[in-house]
Amino acid sequence: MRHTTGLKLGLAGLVLAGSAITAGGIGYADYAPQAGDIVGVGGDTPQYAANFLADGDYAGDLGFNASGSYNRLVAFNATADGNGRSAYANGSTLSSPIALNPTVTLRAGTFPVQRVSSSGNAITAFLADSTKQINYIFSSSLPTAAQQTLAGTNGWGYLHVVEIGTDAVKIAEANTTNAPAGLSAAELVGIYKGTYTHWNDLPGNSGGSSDTIIPLIPPSSSAIYKTFVADLKAANSGTAVTLSASVKTVEQNDPSAITTASTPADAILPFSQARFNLWGDSYFHNPATAFPGGSVLSSGIKLATGTPPDSAAAYTSPVTDYIIFRQSDTTSTTPIEPGGTLNWIQTLFSNPGGDTQPLVQTAAGQALIAASGVTPLYNDLGNTSAG
């Protein structure tokens, strides 16, 4: 996978509480794609599925680029680090992080631009890309109706959506925790708006810990945040939940947000089931060890899927992962490979009525998606939008 960057430090995972972060020297730049390469950006949640489709997985399944294709499939991670962590500048501390705003070079011979860091930002960047440096996006969010209208105004017809798999948002907690075995949506409403501040405040949990709950949430630009906040609203009789001042914003899908909390046993965080699966498959290794690498990292967390104190269902919310591209590109007569007959969309993502399945629909492509922790599911949705 080609996502090496300079100054790529995960805040919580590399420092002790209260200590200053020390960044290393300038590192490498990402691969700068050539003119015919198929370039994608997107969100943190589906980024590993996109990575594995391009370059293969850790189990030896080969990605598209292993065929020696003249034009390559490229997926720029939302995070600046291969372990899914965000990047921070010199002088950052746990209590006062300074975002680095890492950059990528989307095409050889162009200047670096800010790295796309979420599904929502990916759709926005795509719609602003008048020079077509980006070919597709990987997203856990659908475009809105307004964004589809803008795509038409751009002359693209619409944003063509292909579903590649499903995920779910669940509540993560430390392996050793004071939290109940499960938490319902109603209980999470009370926790995140500050009605329940101690574990034994939860109805039906009077015998639980008297510790203060530490509610964590990912950045507001992330698909997980949007899903979770929408679910809180639905569980709150349709009224948006005003988050308590005790709710702390942390990195998305980063177990160290829990394990390095002031009291890990009291921290909870909405988390991707797929990313949790990838941690469980021993994909992530100790970044403090030089090549050829160190020991497998343990996440130190589990998902709260047991019975909540109120006896309702434990919170879980379905998430869908998509590939999105310009409808106008589907009619391209330029083959992805010299001497071939299929364009890049037909080869990789969508070929309705064709004799050949696109990569993401094949058994090989679905094995790569599954290796990322996502449950493969192919549906060509065409012109669709959220709501």
Foldseek 3Di string as FASTA:
>chain_A
DFQAFAQADFALPPDAAPDWDDTDDGDDATDAFEDLAAEEEAELQQQQLQVCQFANDPVPQGHPCVVVFPHGYYYHHLANDPLSGHGFDGGAHPVRTHHPQDWHNLHPPDDTDGGHNAHQSRLVVVLVCLVCSHFKYKHLAFAAPVSQVSLVVSVLNGKWKKFWFKWKWFKKAFPQALAPLFDALLRVLCPFLVVDQARCVPVLNVVTGRDGAQEEEEDPRYPLRVQSQCSNCVSVVNHGRDGDPSYYYHHAQQLSVLVNPPDSNRYMYTHIQLSVVLLVVQPDFDPVDDPVGHGRDHSRMDTRQDQHSVRDGGDMGMIIMIMIGRNNCCPDQDPSHVPDGHHPCQQAPDDPPDPDHHLSPDPSSQVSSVSSSTRTDIDRPTHDGDD
